[in-house]
């Protein structure tokens, strides 16, 4: 069914190439960002869930 519609669209063969390029650029840039990430920032983010002194961690529940 869709094959008939896709045959009528001109230059449809370029879209898979564009999507592959976008996929490759996104994940390559993400990989580069992770590799050059500041190690002190990474340590701070890693310990953040266990940090009791962070703002907003106290709960004001009244039982």
C-alpha atoms as a PDB file:
ATOM      1  CA  UNK A   1       0.000   0.000   0.000  1.00  0.00           C
ATOM      2  CA  UNK A   2       2.656   2.526   1.031  1.00  0.00           C
ATOM      3  CA  UNK A   3       4.921   1.411  -1.771  1.00  0.00           C
ATOM      4  CA  UNK A   4       2.509   2.906  -4.282  1.00  0.00           C
ATOM      5  CA  UNK A   5       2.523   6.257  -2.462  1.00  0.00           C
ATOM      6  CA  UNK A   6       6.301   6.281  -2.078  1.00  0.00           C
ATOM      7  CA  UNK A   7       6.779   5.621  -5.775  1.00  0.00           C
ATOM      8  CA  UNK A   8       4.905   8.840  -6.537  1.00  0.00           C
ATOM      9  CA  UNK A   9       7.115  11.032  -4.344  1.00  0.00           C
ATOM     10  CA  UNK A  10      10.067  12.512  -6.124  1.00  0.00           C
ATOM     11  CA  UNK A  11      13.525  12.391  -4.488  1.00  0.00           C
ATOM     12  CA  UNK A  12      12.294  10.072  -1.731  1.00  0.00           C
ATOM     13  CA  UNK A  13      15.615   8.198  -1.743  1.00  0.00           C
ATOM     14  CA  UNK A  14      17.404  11.151  -0.160  1.00  0.00           C
ATOM     15  CA  UNK A  15      15.490  10.986   3.171  1.00  0.00           C
ATOM     16  CA  UNK A  16      17.026   7.740   4.457  1.00  0.00           C
ATOM     17  CA  UNK A  17      20.462   9.187   3.778  1.00  0.00           C
ATOM     18  CA  UNK A  18      19.605  12.400   5.616  1.00  0.00           C
ATOM     19  CA  UNK A  19      18.242  10.487   8.598  1.00  0.00           C
ATOM     20  CA  UNK A  20      21.366   8.309   8.735  1.00  0.00           C
ATOM     21  CA  UNK A  21      23.576  11.395   8.699  1.00  0.00           C
ATOM     22  CA  UNK A  22      21.521  13.015  11.460  1.00  0.00           C
ATOM     23  CA  UNK A  23      21.728   9.826  13.536  1.00  0.00           C
ATOM     24  CA  UNK A  24      25.492   9.596  13.052  1.00  0.00           C
ATOM     25  CA  UNK A  25      26.102  13.289  13.846  1.00  0.00           C
ATOM     26  CA  UNK A  26      23.959  13.197  17.001  1.00  0.00           C
ATOM     27  CA  UNK A  27      25.590  10.131  18.527  1.00  0.00           C
ATOM     28  CA  UNK A  28      29.081  11.155  17.472  1.00  0.00           C
ATOM     29  CA  UNK A  29      28.656  14.579  19.061  1.00  0.00           C
ATOM     30  CA  UNK A  30      27.232  12.964  22.211  1.00  0.00           C
ATOM     31  CA  UNK A  31      30.212  10.623  22.401  1.00  0.00           C
ATOM     32  CA  UNK A  32      32.658  13.510  21.972  1.00  0.00           C
ATOM     33  CA  UNK A  33      30.838  15.515  24.665  1.00  0.00           C
ATOM     34  CA  UNK A  34      31.061  12.592  27.105  1.00  0.00           C
ATOM     35  CA  UNK A  35      34.746  12.004  26.399  1.00  0.00           C
ATOM     36  CA  UNK A  36      35.664  15.643  27.013  1.00  0.00           C
ATOM     37  CA  UNK A  37      33.393  16.080  30.030  1.00  0.00           C
ATOM     38  CA  UNK A  38      35.042  17.693  33.051  1.00  0.00           C
ATOM     39  CA  UNK A  39      35.866  15.001  35.616  1.00  0.00           C
ATOM     40  CA  UNK A  40      35.021  17.206  38.610  1.00  0.00           C
ATOM     41  CA  UNK A  41      31.557  17.875  37.137  1.00  0.00           C
ATOM     42  CA  UNK A  42      31.121  14.147  36.589  1.00  0.00           C
ATOM     43  CA  UNK A  43      32.049  13.363  40.207  1.00  0.00           C
ATOM     44  CA  UNK A  44      29.663  16.053  41.459  1.00  0.00           C
ATOM     45  CA  UNK A  45      26.781  14.647  39.402  1.00  0.00           C
ATOM     46  CA  UNK A  46      27.628  11.087  40.421  1.00  0.00           C
ATOM     47  CA  UNK A  47      27.414  11.866  44.137  1.00  0.00           C
ATOM     48  CA  UNK A  48      24.387  14.154  43.858  1.00  0.00           C
ATOM     49  CA  UNK A  49      21.712  11.520  44.651  1.00  0.00           C
ATOM     50  CA  UNK A  50      23.520  10.624  47.895  1.00  0.00           C
ATOM     51  CA  UNK A  51      24.189  14.189  49.022  1.00  0.00           C
ATOM     52  CA  UNK A  52      22.071  14.961  52.101  1.00  0.00           C
ATOM     53  CA  UNK A  53      23.123  18.615  52.255  1.00  0.00           C
ATOM     54  CA  UNK A  54      21.524  19.553  48.939  1.00  0.00           C
ATOM     55  CA  UNK A  55      18.659  22.013  48.958  1.00  0.00           C
ATOM     56  CA  UNK A  56      15.180  20.599  48.800  1.00  0.00           C
ATOM     57  CA  UNK A  57      15.982  17.194  50.275  1.00  0.00           C
ATOM     58  CA  UNK A  58      14.210  17.830  53.560  1.00  0.00           C
ATOM     59  CA  UNK A  59      10.621  16.773  53.605  1.00  0.00           C
ATOM     60  CA  UNK A  60       8.062  18.662  55.603  1.00  0.00           C
ATOM     61  CA  UNK A  61       5.730  15.774  56.270  1.00  0.00           C
ATOM     62  CA  UNK A  62       3.599  16.023  59.385  1.00  0.00           C
ATOM     63  CA  UNK A  63       2.332  12.729  60.620  1.00  0.00           C
END
